[in-house]
C-alpha atoms as a PDB file:
ATOM      1  CA  MET A   1     -10.248  -1.216 -34.054  1.00  0.00           C
ATOM      2  CA  ILE A   2     -10.252   0.861 -36.557  1.00  0.00           C
ATOM      3  CA  LEU A   3     -14.358   1.298 -36.544  1.00  0.00           C
ATOM      4  CA  GLN A   4     -13.231   2.350 -32.460  1.00  0.00           C
ATOM      5  CA  ASP A   5     -10.791   5.116 -33.463  1.00  0.00           C
ATOM      6  CA  VAL A   6     -13.665   6.749 -36.003  1.00  0.00           C
ATOM      7  CA  ALA A   7     -16.266   6.745 -32.511  1.00  0.00           C
ATOM      8  CA  ASP A   8     -13.393   8.097 -30.424  1.00  0.00           C
ATOM      9  CA  ALA A   9     -12.187  10.500 -33.182  1.00  0.00           C
ATOM     10  CA  GLU A  10     -16.313  11.616 -33.742  1.00  0.00           C
ATOM     11  CA  GLY A  11     -17.373  11.818 -29.478  1.00  0.00           C
ATOM     12  CA  ASP A  12     -19.634   9.182 -30.502  1.00  0.00           C
ATOM     13  CA  VAL A  13     -19.853   7.157 -26.695  1.00  0.00           C
ATOM     14  CA  ASP A  14     -22.498   4.914 -28.617  1.00  0.00           C
ATOM     15  CA  SER A  15     -20.904   3.560 -31.285  1.00  0.00           C
ATOM     16  CA  TRP A  16     -17.583   2.794 -30.010  1.00  0.00           C
ATOM     17  CA  LEU A  17     -19.804   1.097 -26.861  1.00  0.00           C
ATOM     18  CA  THR A  18     -21.758  -0.789 -29.772  1.00  0.00           C
ATOM     19  CA  GLN A  19     -17.462  -2.105 -30.296  1.00  0.00           C
ATOM     20  CA  TYR A  20     -18.026  -4.416 -27.172  1.00  0.00           C
ATOM     21  CA  ARG A  21     -20.599  -6.882 -25.928  1.00  0.00           C
ATOM     22  CA  PRO A  22     -22.609  -6.268 -22.879  1.00  0.00           C
ATOM     23  CA  GLU A  23     -20.551  -8.593 -20.520  1.00  0.00           C
ATOM     24  CA  GLN A  24     -17.390  -6.916 -22.087  1.00  0.00           C
ATOM     25  CA  LEU A  25     -18.232  -3.584 -21.063  1.00  0.00           C
ATOM     26  CA  THR A  26     -18.089  -5.105 -16.769  1.00  0.00           C
ATOM     27  CA  TYR A  27     -14.642  -5.830 -17.884  1.00  0.00           C
ATOM     28  CA  SER A  28     -12.111  -3.959 -15.283  1.00  0.00           C
ATOM     29  CA  THR A  29      -9.666  -3.073 -18.675  1.00  0.00           C
ATOM     30  CA  ILE A  30     -12.995  -1.842 -20.065  1.00  0.00           C
ATOM     31  CA  ALA A  31     -15.425  -0.261 -17.446  1.00  0.00           C
ATOM     32  CA  PRO A  32     -13.367   2.648 -16.671  1.00  0.00           C
ATOM     33  CA  SER A  33     -12.848   3.931 -20.510  1.00  0.00           C
ATOM     34  CA  ALA A  34     -16.425   3.566 -21.129  1.00  0.00           C
ATOM     35  CA  ALA A  35     -17.799   5.147 -18.007  1.00  0.00           C
ATOM     36  CA  THR A  36     -15.435   8.303 -18.954  1.00  0.00           C
ATOM     37  CA  LEU A  37     -17.095   8.480 -22.447  1.00  0.00           C
ATOM     38  CA  LEU A  38     -20.626   8.589 -20.772  1.00  0.00           C
ATOM     39  CA  LEU A  39     -19.646  11.238 -18.128  1.00  0.00           C
ATOM     40  CA  ALA A  40     -18.535  13.122 -20.809  1.00  0.00           C
ATOM     41  CA  ALA A  41     -21.788  12.616 -22.872  1.00  0.00           C
ATOM     42  CA  GLY A  42     -23.560  14.641 -19.882  1.00  0.00           C
ATOM     43  CA  ARG A  43     -24.982  10.516 -19.028  1.00  0.00           C
ATOM     44  CA  PRO A  44     -23.758   9.938 -15.214  1.00  0.00           C
ATOM     45  CA  GLU A  45     -26.762   7.615 -14.701  1.00  0.00           C
ATOM     46  CA  GLY A  46     -25.328   5.229 -16.760  1.00  0.00           C
ATOM     47  CA  ALA A  47     -21.871   5.551 -16.493  1.00  0.00           C
ATOM     48  CA  LEU A  48     -23.117   4.264 -12.864  1.00  0.00           C
ATOM     49  CA  ARG A  49     -24.765   1.572 -13.604  1.00  0.00           C
ATOM     50  CA  LEU A  50     -21.582   0.333 -15.883  1.00  0.00           C
ATOM     51  CA  ILE A  51     -19.228   1.097 -13.485  1.00  0.00           C
ATOM     52  CA  GLU A  52     -21.589  -0.352 -10.605  1.00  0.00           C
ATOM     53  CA  ALA A  53     -22.033  -3.815 -12.707  1.00  0.00           C
ATOM     54  CA  ALA A  54     -17.952  -4.830 -12.900  1.00  0.00           C
ATOM     55  CA  LEU A  55     -17.090  -3.785  -8.978  1.00  0.00           C
ATOM     56  CA  PRO A  56     -16.152  -7.135  -7.846  1.00  0.00           C
ATOM     57  CA  GLY A  57     -18.428  -6.720  -4.925  1.00  0.00           C
ATOM     58  CA  GLU A  58     -16.864  -7.939  -1.165  1.00  0.00           C
ATOM     59  CA  SER A  59     -17.033 -11.504  -2.570  1.00  0.00           C
ATOM     60  CA  GLY A  60     -15.298 -10.793  -6.076  1.00  0.00           C
ATOM     61  CA  ASP A  61     -11.588 -11.488  -6.795  1.00  0.00           C
ATOM     62  CA  PRO A  62      -8.847  -8.649  -5.591  1.00  0.00           C
ATOM     63  CA  TRP A  63      -6.934  -8.748  -8.633  1.00  0.00           C
ATOM     64  CA  PHE A  64     -10.072  -7.149 -10.797  1.00  0.00           C
ATOM     65  CA  ASP A  65     -10.639  -4.427  -7.696  1.00  0.00           C
ATOM     66  CA  THR A  66      -8.145  -2.369  -9.840  1.00  0.00           C
ATOM     67  CA  PRO A  67      -7.561   2.036  -8.944  1.00  0.00           C
ATOM     68  CA  GLU A  68      -8.279   2.226 -12.320  1.00  0.00           C
ATOM     69  CA  LEU A  69     -12.047   1.489 -11.888  1.00  0.00           C
ATOM     70  CA  ASP A  70     -12.739   3.011  -8.465  1.00  0.00           C
ATOM     71  CA  GLU A  71     -11.537   6.745 -10.190  1.00  0.00           C
ATOM     72  CA  ALA A  72     -14.137   5.956 -12.345  1.00  0.00           C
ATOM     73  CA  HIS A  73     -16.921   5.147  -9.757  1.00  0.00           C
ATOM     74  CA  PHE A  74     -15.809   8.027  -7.594  1.00  0.00           C
ATOM     75  CA  ALA A  75     -15.874  10.200 -11.002  1.00  0.00           C
ATOM     76  CA  CYS A  76     -20.281   8.763 -11.449  1.00  0.00           C
ATOM     77  CA  LEU A  77     -20.997   9.349  -7.650  1.00  0.00           C
ATOM     78  CA  GLU A  78     -19.270  13.485  -7.769  1.00  0.00           C
ATOM     79  CA  ALA A  79     -21.185  14.082 -10.884  1.00  0.00           C
ATOM     80  CA  LEU A  80     -24.385  12.780  -8.414  1.00  0.00           C
ATOM     81  CA  ASP A  81     -24.301  12.254  -5.561  1.00  0.00           C
ATOM     82  CA  GLN A  82     -22.018  13.214  -2.732  1.00  0.00           C
ATOM     83  CA  ASP A  83     -22.843  10.639   0.310  1.00  0.00           C
ATOM     84  CA  ASP A  84     -22.659   8.283  -2.008  1.00  0.00           C
ATOM     85  CA  LEU A  85     -19.099   9.883  -2.811  1.00  0.00           C
ATOM     86  CA  ARG A  86     -18.334   9.531   0.986  1.00  0.00           C
ATOM     87  CA  ALA A  87     -19.020   5.944   1.431  1.00  0.00           C
ATOM     88  CA  ALA A  88     -17.651   4.855  -1.760  1.00  0.00           C
ATOM     89  CA  LEU A  89     -14.167   6.413  -0.602  1.00  0.00           C
ATOM     90  CA  TRP A  90     -14.224   4.839   3.245  1.00  0.00           C
ATOM     91  CA  SER A  91     -15.180   1.629   1.339  1.00  0.00           C
ATOM     92  CA  ARG A  92     -11.917   1.381  -1.027  1.00  0.00           C
ATOM     93  CA  PHE A  93      -9.739   2.222   2.124  1.00  0.00           C
ATOM     94  CA  GLU A  94     -11.199  -0.262   4.281  1.00  0.00           C
ATOM     95  CA  ARG A  95     -11.054  -2.427   1.847  1.00  0.00           C
ATOM     96  CA  ARG A  96      -7.999  -1.642   0.342  1.00  0.00           C
ATOM     97  CA  HIS A  97      -6.072   0.813   2.393  1.00  0.00           C
ATOM     98  CA  CYS A  98      -5.768   3.910   0.278  1.00  0.00           C
ATOM     99  CA  PRO A  99      -3.840   6.880   1.366  1.00  0.00           C
ATOM    100  CA  ASP A 100      -5.248   8.954  -0.912  1.00  0.00           C
ATOM    101  CA  ALA A 101      -8.876   7.282  -0.392  1.00  0.00           C
ATOM    102  CA  LEU A 102      -8.613   8.484   3.211  1.00  0.00           C
ATOM    103  CA  ARG A 103      -7.785  12.203   2.590  1.00  0.00           C
ATOM    104  CA  ARG A 104     -10.394  12.161   0.261  1.00  0.00           C
ATOM    105  CA  HIS A 105     -12.908  11.479   2.195  1.00  0.00           C
ATOM    106  CA  LEU A 106     -11.768  13.321   5.130  1.00  0.00           C
ATOM    107  CA  LYS A 107     -11.864  16.593   3.201  1.00  0.00           C
ATOM    108  CA  ARG A 108     -15.564  15.646   2.696  1.00  0.00           C
ATOM    109  CA  LEU A 109     -16.958  15.369   6.226  1.00  0.00           C
ATOM    110  CA  PRO A 110     -17.869  18.211   7.895  1.00  0.00           C
ATOM    111  CA  GLY A 111     -17.036  19.771  10.900  1.00  0.00           C
ATOM    112  CA  PHE A 112     -14.770  17.885  13.426  1.00  0.00           C
ATOM    113  CA  GLU A 113     -16.172  14.255  12.223  1.00  0.00           C
ATOM    114  CA  ASP A 114     -13.108  13.920  10.518  1.00  0.00           C
ATOM    115  CA  ILE A 115     -10.613  13.230  13.484  1.00  0.00           C
ATOM    116  CA  GLU A 116     -13.553  10.422  14.431  1.00  0.00           C
ATOM    117  CA  ALA A 117     -12.651   8.974  11.499  1.00  0.00           C
ATOM    118  CA  GLU A 118      -9.158   9.365  11.176  1.00  0.00           C
ATOM    119  CA  ASP A 119      -8.765   7.619  14.364  1.00  0.00           C
ATOM    120  CA  ALA A 120     -11.192   4.873  13.087  1.00  0.00           C
ATOM    121  CA  ALA A 121      -8.723   4.624  10.401  1.00  0.00           C
ATOM    122  CA  ARG A 122      -5.756   4.114  12.072  1.00  0.00           C
ATOM    123  CA  ARG A 123      -7.639   1.509  14.242  1.00  0.00           C
ATOM    124  CA  ILE A 124      -8.245  -0.395  10.723  1.00  0.00           C
ATOM    125  CA  VAL A 125      -5.212  -0.492  10.039  1.00  0.00           C
ATOM    126  CA  ARG A 126      -3.649  -1.558  12.861  1.00  0.00           C
ATOM    127  CA  ALA A 127      -5.583  -4.819  13.191  1.00  0.00           C
ATOM    128  CA  CYS A 128      -4.334  -5.176   9.771  1.00  0.00           C
ATOM    129  CA  LYS A 129      -3.678  -8.371   8.770  1.00  0.00           C
ATOM    130  CA  PRO A 130      -0.974  -8.962   7.094  1.00  0.00           C
ATOM    131  CA  VAL A 131       1.375  -6.289   8.800  1.00  0.00           C
ATOM    132  CA  GLU A 132       2.828  -5.706   5.510  1.00  0.00           C
ATOM    133  CA  LYS A 133      -0.219  -4.527   4.527  1.00  0.00           C
ATOM    134  CA  ALA A 134      -0.731  -2.369   6.938  1.00  0.00           C
ATOM    135  CA  LEU A 135       3.582  -1.324   6.826  1.00  0.00           C
ATOM    136  CA  ALA A 136       2.552  -0.135   2.944  1.00  0.00           C
ATOM    137  CA  TYR A 137      -0.231   1.974   3.985  1.00  0.00           C
ATOM    138  CA  CYS A 138       2.517   3.500   6.723  1.00  0.00           C
ATOM    139  CA  LEU A 139       4.600   4.002   3.729  1.00  0.00           C
ATOM    140  CA  GLN A 140       2.379   5.526   1.841  1.00  0.00           C
ATOM    141  CA  ALA A 141      -0.054   7.236   3.261  1.00  0.00           C
ATOM    142  CA  PRO A 142       2.665   8.765   5.295  1.00  0.00           C
ATOM    143  CA  ASP A 143       2.215   7.762   8.947  1.00  0.00           C
ATOM    144  CA  GLN A 144       6.082   7.392  10.708  1.00  0.00           C
ATOM    145  CA  PRO A 145       4.317   6.955  13.949  1.00  0.00           C
ATOM    146  CA  LEU A 146       1.919   4.508  13.441  1.00  0.00           C
ATOM    147  CA  ALA A 147       4.625   2.807  11.276  1.00  0.00           C
ATOM    148  CA  ALA A 148       5.922   2.764  14.557  1.00  0.00           C
ATOM    149  CA  GLU A 149       3.969   1.351  16.736  1.00  0.00           C
ATOM    150  CA  LEU A 150       3.048  -1.548  14.872  1.00  0.00           C
ATOM    151  CA  ILE A 151       6.820  -2.358  13.967  1.00  0.00           C
ATOM    152  CA  GLU A 152       7.130  -2.842  17.424  1.00  0.00           C
ATOM    153  CA  ALA A 153       4.358  -4.539  18.758  1.00  0.00           C
ATOM    154  CA  ARG A 154       3.724  -7.433  15.544  1.00  0.00           C
ATOM    155  CA  SER A 155       7.672  -7.562  15.187  1.00  0.00           C
ATOM    156  CA  GLU A 156       7.641 -11.172  14.876  1.00  0.00           C
ATOM    157  CA  GLU A 157       4.750 -11.109  12.226  1.00  0.00           C
ATOM    158  CA  ILE A 158       6.823  -8.694   9.592  1.00  0.00           C
ATOM    159  CA  ASN A 159       8.067 -11.242   6.508  1.00  0.00           C
ATOM    160  CA  GLY A 160      11.244 -10.205   5.238  1.00  0.00           C
ATOM    161  CA  ASP A 161      10.998 -10.438   1.760  1.00  0.00           C
ATOM    162  CA  VAL A 162       9.353  -7.409   1.488  1.00  0.00           C
ATOM    163  CA  TYR A 163      11.990  -5.332   1.400  1.00  0.00           C
ATOM    164  CA  GLU A 164      10.114  -3.185  -1.960  1.00  0.00           C
ATOM    165  CA  VAL A 165       7.857  -1.732   1.725  1.00  0.00           C
ATOM    166  CA  LEU A 166      10.839  -2.607   4.149  1.00  0.00           C
ATOM    167  CA  THR A 167      13.746  -0.919   2.759  1.00  0.00           C
ATOM    168  CA  PRO A 168      11.978   2.687   2.563  1.00  0.00           C
ATOM    169  CA  LEU A 169      10.123   2.662   5.613  1.00  0.00           C
ATOM    170  CA  ALA A 170      12.941   1.432   7.342  1.00  0.00           C
ATOM    171  CA  ASP A 171      15.062   4.293   5.525  1.00  0.00           C
ATOM    172  CA  ALA A 172      11.964   6.369   6.486  1.00  0.00           C
ATOM    173  CA  LEU A 173      12.116   5.838  10.437  1.00  0.00           C
ATOM    174  CA  VAL A 174      15.915   6.266  11.219  1.00  0.00           C
ATOM    175  CA  PRO A 175      15.909   9.955  12.121  1.00  0.00           C
ATOM    176  CA  TYR A 176      12.631   9.937  14.938  1.00  0.00           C
ATOM    177  CA  HIS A 177      11.983   5.782  15.354  1.00  0.00           C
ATOM    178  CA  PRO A 178      15.410   4.020  14.731  1.00  0.00           C
ATOM    179  CA  LEU A 179      14.276   0.786  16.924  1.00  0.00           C
ATOM    180  CA  ALA A 180      11.380   0.494  14.643  1.00  0.00           C
ATOM    181  CA  ALA A 181      14.153   0.169  11.634  1.00  0.00           C
ATOM    182  CA  VAL A 182      16.560  -2.180  13.199  1.00  0.00           C
ATOM    183  CA  LEU A 183      13.420  -3.550  13.696  1.00  0.00           C
ATOM    184  CA  LEU A 184      12.650  -4.062  10.089  1.00  0.00           C
ATOM    185  CA  TRP A 185      16.544  -4.685   8.789  1.00  0.00           C
ATOM    186  CA  ARG A 186      16.232  -7.474  11.293  1.00  0.00           C
ATOM    187  CA  ALA A 187      13.751  -9.043   9.276  1.00  0.00           C
ATOM    188  CA  MET A 188      14.809  -8.317   6.728  1.00  0.00           C
ATOM    189  CA  ILE A 189      18.767 -10.046   7.558  1.00  0.00           C
ATOM    190  CA  ASP A 190      16.911 -13.029   9.463  1.00  0.00           C
ATOM    191  CA  PHE A 191      14.788 -14.052   6.205  1.00  0.00           C
ATOM    192  CA  ALA A 192      17.837 -13.583   3.845  1.00  0.00           C
ATOM    193  CA  LEU A 193      20.076 -16.157   6.709  1.00  0.00           C
ATOM    194  CA  GLY A 194      17.361 -17.921   6.646  1.00  0.00           C
ATOM    195  CA  ASN A 195      16.136 -18.779   2.463  1.00  0.00           C
ATOM    196  CA  THR A 196      19.353 -18.408   0.726  1.00  0.00           C
ATOM    197  CA  VAL A 197      22.622 -18.776   3.009  1.00  0.00           C
ATOM    198  CA  GLY A 198      21.146 -21.902   3.489  1.00  0.00           C
ATOM    199  CA  LEU A 199      21.266 -22.824  -0.156  1.00  0.00           C
ATOM    200  CA  GLY A 200      25.132 -21.386  -0.325  1.00  0.00           C
ATOM    201  CA  LYS A 201      23.792 -18.699  -2.379  1.00  0.00           C
ATOM    202  CA  PRO A 202      25.051 -15.385  -2.728  1.00  0.00           C
ATOM    203  CA  ILE A 203      22.161 -12.121  -1.988  1.00  0.00           C
ATOM    204  CA  SER A 204      21.587  -9.069  -3.632  1.00  0.00           C
ATOM    205  CA  GLY A 205      19.197  -6.410  -3.329  1.00  0.00           C
ATOM    206  CA  PRO A 206      18.425  -2.965  -2.333  1.00  0.00           C
ATOM    207  CA  TRP A 207      20.160  -3.628   1.494  1.00  0.00           C
ATOM    208  CA  SER A 208      22.925  -4.973   3.081  1.00  0.00           C
ATOM    209  CA  TRP A 209      24.283  -6.018   6.024  1.00  0.00           C
ATOM    210  CA  THR A 210      26.981  -2.731   5.734  1.00  0.00           C
ATOM    211  CA  ARG A 211      24.380  -0.397   6.433  1.00  0.00           C
ATOM    212  CA  LEU A 212      23.811  -2.032  10.222  1.00  0.00           C
ATOM    213  CA  ARG A 213      28.272  -1.370  10.534  1.00  0.00           C
ATOM    214  CA  SER A 214      28.251   2.177   9.086  1.00  0.00           C
ATOM    215  CA  GLY A 215      26.691   4.505   7.897  1.00  0.00           C
ATOM    216  CA  THR A 216      22.787   5.232   8.416  1.00  0.00           C
ATOM    217  CA  GLY A 217      22.794   1.606  10.263  1.00  0.00           C
ATOM    218  CA  ARG A 218      25.658   2.570  12.843  1.00  0.00           C
ATOM    219  CA  GLY A 219      23.571   6.322  13.134  1.00  0.00           C
ATOM    220  CA  CYS A 220      20.508   3.999  13.779  1.00  0.00           C
ATOM    221  CA  VAL A 221      21.988   1.512  16.700  1.00  0.00           C
ATOM    222  CA  GLU A 222      24.075   4.127  18.684  1.00  0.00           C
ATOM    223  CA  THR A 223      20.846   6.251  19.665  1.00  0.00           C
ATOM    224  CA  GLU A 224      19.766   6.587  23.160  1.00  0.00           C
ATOM    225  CA  ALA A 225      16.533   4.725  21.628  1.00  0.00           C
ATOM    226  CA  CYS A 226      18.616   1.475  20.958  1.00  0.00           C
ATOM    227  CA  ARG A 227      20.474   1.087  23.757  1.00  0.00           C
ATOM    228  CA  SER A 228      16.856   0.323  25.749  1.00  0.00           C
ATOM    229  CA  PRO A 229      17.062  -3.372  26.829  1.00  0.00           C
ATOM    230  CA  ARG A 230      15.438  -4.508  24.073  1.00  0.00           C
ATOM    231  CA  GLY A 231      17.682  -2.305  21.942  1.00  0.00           C
ATOM    232  CA  ARG A 232      20.859  -3.363  23.240  1.00  0.00           C
ATOM    233  CA  ALA A 233      19.096  -7.239  22.885  1.00  0.00           C
ATOM    234  CA  LEU A 234      19.399  -6.615  19.086  1.00  0.00           C
ATOM    235  CA  ARG A 235      22.636  -5.358  19.018  1.00  0.00           C
ATOM    236  CA  CYS A 236      23.784  -8.839  20.818  1.00  0.00           C
ATOM    237  CA  SER A 237      21.673 -10.433  17.844  1.00  0.00           C
ATOM    238  CA  PHE A 238      23.610  -8.485  15.188  1.00  0.00           C
ATOM    239  CA  SER A 239      26.482  -9.360  16.470  1.00  0.00           C
ATOM    240  CA  ARG A 240      25.886 -12.988  18.013  1.00  0.00           C
ATOM    241  CA  PRO A 241      28.626 -15.153  16.297  1.00  0.00           C
ATOM    242  CA  ALA A 242      26.478 -17.361  14.597  1.00  0.00           C
ATOM    243  CA  ILE A 243      25.698 -14.625  12.344  1.00  0.00           C
ATOM    244  CA  ARG A 244      28.633 -12.671  11.755  1.00  0.00           C
ATOM    245  CA  PRO A 245      30.008 -14.876   9.696  1.00  0.00           C
ATOM    246  CA  SER A 246      27.901 -15.276   7.257  1.00  0.00           C
ATOM    247  CA  CYS A 247      27.800 -11.840   6.792  1.00  0.00           C
ATOM    248  CA  SER A 248      30.054 -10.887   4.933  1.00  0.00           C
ATOM    249  CA  ILE A 249      28.303 -11.634   2.423  1.00  0.00           C
ATOM    250  CA  PHE A 250      26.345  -8.618   2.506  1.00  0.00           C
ATOM    251  CA  GLY A 251      29.424  -6.702   2.138  1.00  0.00           C
ATOM    252  CA  GLY A 252      30.850  -6.436   5.686  1.00  0.00           C
END
């Protein structure tokens, strides 16, 4: 460890690299730092070779496909070839539905090609499985119209346990896509009722039944969109006798 610190301080890239075996330099936790040092030393070709050896590939374990590895890859490509960088950014978007990679890709496209690419990206997100991954993209992008479209078309697929995505997305959808917000709340409540109420355990989490009875929730349910046939059906499902007694655990 001391030798490594000395190599860092002196800017001696080769000494730093020799602290690791060749195989270790391809680890996702080490390769980004090694490539960064090589780039700083004006050796982009060597940095790219190292990063390409570290990338997991299409059949590799996604656990090792880290953002840090991608960022180092992009930096290498940017130092060498713009066309390869665009392809790598698009590949990262396809693999991980990363909004930042898509934005960077679109900025590098000539003319009106960005419009076609954006349409193609939305088609990829619409077909994404599981749907929660697509909704996470919509939350990060952000793309509320696409999120509402996905929710209303694929509401039965939504896993209500993914509340770290569904809760902030529902909040964001309330003003202009209230029915989609209600569908997300319904998915979370259905999951809670089906997986914890039957066991007699109290429910704790960042959302509660009271949100559907007052404040944001009530405002959403009473909007014009939720007075549509589907919206009325949802309101009935929230107030059906089989659910209401159990909902007292949400604070209602």
